[in-house]
Amino acid sequence: MFPSADTSMLVLGYRHSGDVDMQAIERESGIAMPKPRVVYAYPYEDMEIGDSFTVPVEARAKVLNANYRAGKRLQRVFVARTESDLIRVWRMA
C-alpha cells in the first residue's frame, strides 16, 4: 500500500515529510561545474606511442575495460595482447 500524502516516508535513506517548501530552494546560475576527477590505475596519461606496460592475466577484464575507457576519454588507442601469464598493453595512437 502507498502511504497517504500527510505521512512522512523514507526515500533513499532520507526522511521526507511530503510537504517540501519550494520557496526554500534557491536556483543559482553562473556557477561552474567542477572537472570530473579521473584516476587511472594504469599509466595511460603518461604513455607515448609505442610505450607498453604489463599486468597479470587475472586482471584481463579490468585492463580491457580500462583500455576502452581511457581510450575514449584521452582520444588514444590502446591494444592488449596476452604473453604467457601476462597481458601487455601498448599505446598505438
Protein backbone atom coordinates (compact mmCIF):
# COMPACT_ATOMS: atom_id res chain seq x y z
CA MET A 1 0.00 0.00 0.00
CA PHE A 2 1.05 3.56 -0.58
CA PRO A 3 1.37 6.00 2.32
CA SER A 4 -1.01 8.92 2.39
CA ALA A 5 0.28 12.38 1.49
CA ASP A 6 0.36 13.58 5.10
CA THR A 7 2.63 10.80 6.42
CA SER A 8 6.38 11.00 6.26
CA MET A 9 8.21 8.34 4.31
CA LEU A 10 11.79 7.20 3.91
CA VAL A 11 13.15 7.91 0.42
CA LEU A 12 16.72 6.87 -0.46
CA GLY A 13 17.73 6.89 3.18
CA TYR A 14 16.38 10.39 3.92
CA ARG A 15 13.29 11.29 5.88
CA HIS A 16 10.83 13.10 3.59
CA SER A 17 7.74 14.73 5.01
CA GLY A 18 5.80 15.23 1.80
CA ASP A 19 5.40 18.99 2.18
CA VAL A 20 8.67 20.44 0.88
CA ASP A 21 8.86 24.23 0.95
CA MET A 22 9.82 25.03 -2.65
CA GLN A 23 10.49 28.64 -1.64
CA ALA A 24 13.47 27.47 0.45
CA ILE A 25 15.22 26.05 -2.63
CA GLU A 26 17.19 28.72 -4.44
CA ARG A 27 18.04 28.44 -8.13
CA GLU A 28 21.54 29.64 -8.97
CA SER A 29 23.22 30.25 -12.30
CA GLY A 30 26.74 31.01 -13.48
CA ILE A 31 28.42 28.52 -11.16
CA ALA A 32 30.99 26.38 -12.99
CA MET A 33 30.72 22.63 -12.56
CA PRO A 34 33.94 21.07 -11.21
CA LYS A 35 36.00 18.93 -13.57
CA PRO A 36 35.49 15.18 -13.10
CA ARG A 37 38.25 13.57 -11.09
CA VAL A 38 39.67 10.73 -13.14
CA VAL A 39 42.27 8.46 -11.59
CA TYR A 40 43.60 5.66 -13.75
CA ALA A 41 45.06 2.50 -12.22
CA TYR A 42 47.38 2.28 -15.23
CA PRO A 43 49.77 4.89 -16.73
CA TYR A 44 47.63 5.85 -19.75
CA GLU A 45 48.17 9.60 -19.49
CA ASP A 46 51.98 9.28 -19.37
CA MET A 47 52.29 6.87 -22.30
CA GLU A 48 53.78 7.86 -25.65
CA ILE A 49 53.09 5.93 -28.87
CA GLY A 50 54.92 2.58 -28.65
CA ASP A 51 55.10 2.53 -24.82
CA SER A 52 53.70 -0.52 -23.02
CA PHE A 53 53.05 -1.97 -19.58
CA THR A 54 52.13 -5.43 -18.29
CA VAL A 55 49.51 -6.74 -15.86
CA PRO A 56 48.79 -10.28 -14.64
CA VAL A 57 46.45 -12.25 -16.87
CA GLU A 58 43.98 -12.42 -13.93
CA ALA A 59 43.36 -8.67 -14.45
CA ARG A 60 42.27 -9.20 -18.07
CA ALA A 61 38.71 -7.91 -17.76
CA LYS A 62 39.77 -4.93 -15.67
CA VAL A 63 42.56 -3.81 -18.01
CA LEU A 64 40.47 -4.27 -21.17
CA ASN A 65 37.68 -2.16 -19.68
CA ALA A 66 40.21 0.45 -18.53
CA ASN A 67 41.78 0.49 -22.03
CA TYR A 68 38.41 1.24 -23.57
CA ARG A 69 37.51 3.99 -21.06
CA ALA A 70 40.94 5.66 -21.19
CA GLY A 71 40.98 5.49 -24.98
CA LYS A 72 37.62 7.24 -25.21
CA ARG A 73 38.49 9.90 -22.64
CA LEU A 74 42.03 10.61 -23.86
CA GLN A 75 41.27 10.04 -27.57
CA ARG A 76 44.05 7.49 -27.87
CA VAL A 77 44.27 3.85 -28.97
CA PHE A 78 45.40 1.11 -26.57
CA VAL A 79 45.89 -2.52 -27.62
CA ALA A 80 46.33 -5.53 -25.32
CA ARG A 81 47.91 -8.89 -26.14
CA THR A 82 48.46 -11.94 -23.94
CA GLU A 83 52.08 -13.02 -23.37
CA SER A 84 52.08 -16.31 -21.38
CA ASP A 85 50.87 -15.28 -17.89
CA LEU A 86 50.91 -11.51 -18.55
CA ILE A 87 48.88 -9.09 -20.62
CA ARG A 88 50.87 -6.36 -22.32
CA VAL A 89 49.15 -3.07 -23.21
CA TRP A 90 50.59 -0.76 -25.87
CA ARG A 91 49.64 2.76 -26.84
CA MET A 92 49.19 2.64 -30.62
CA ALA A 93 47.94 6.15 -31.46
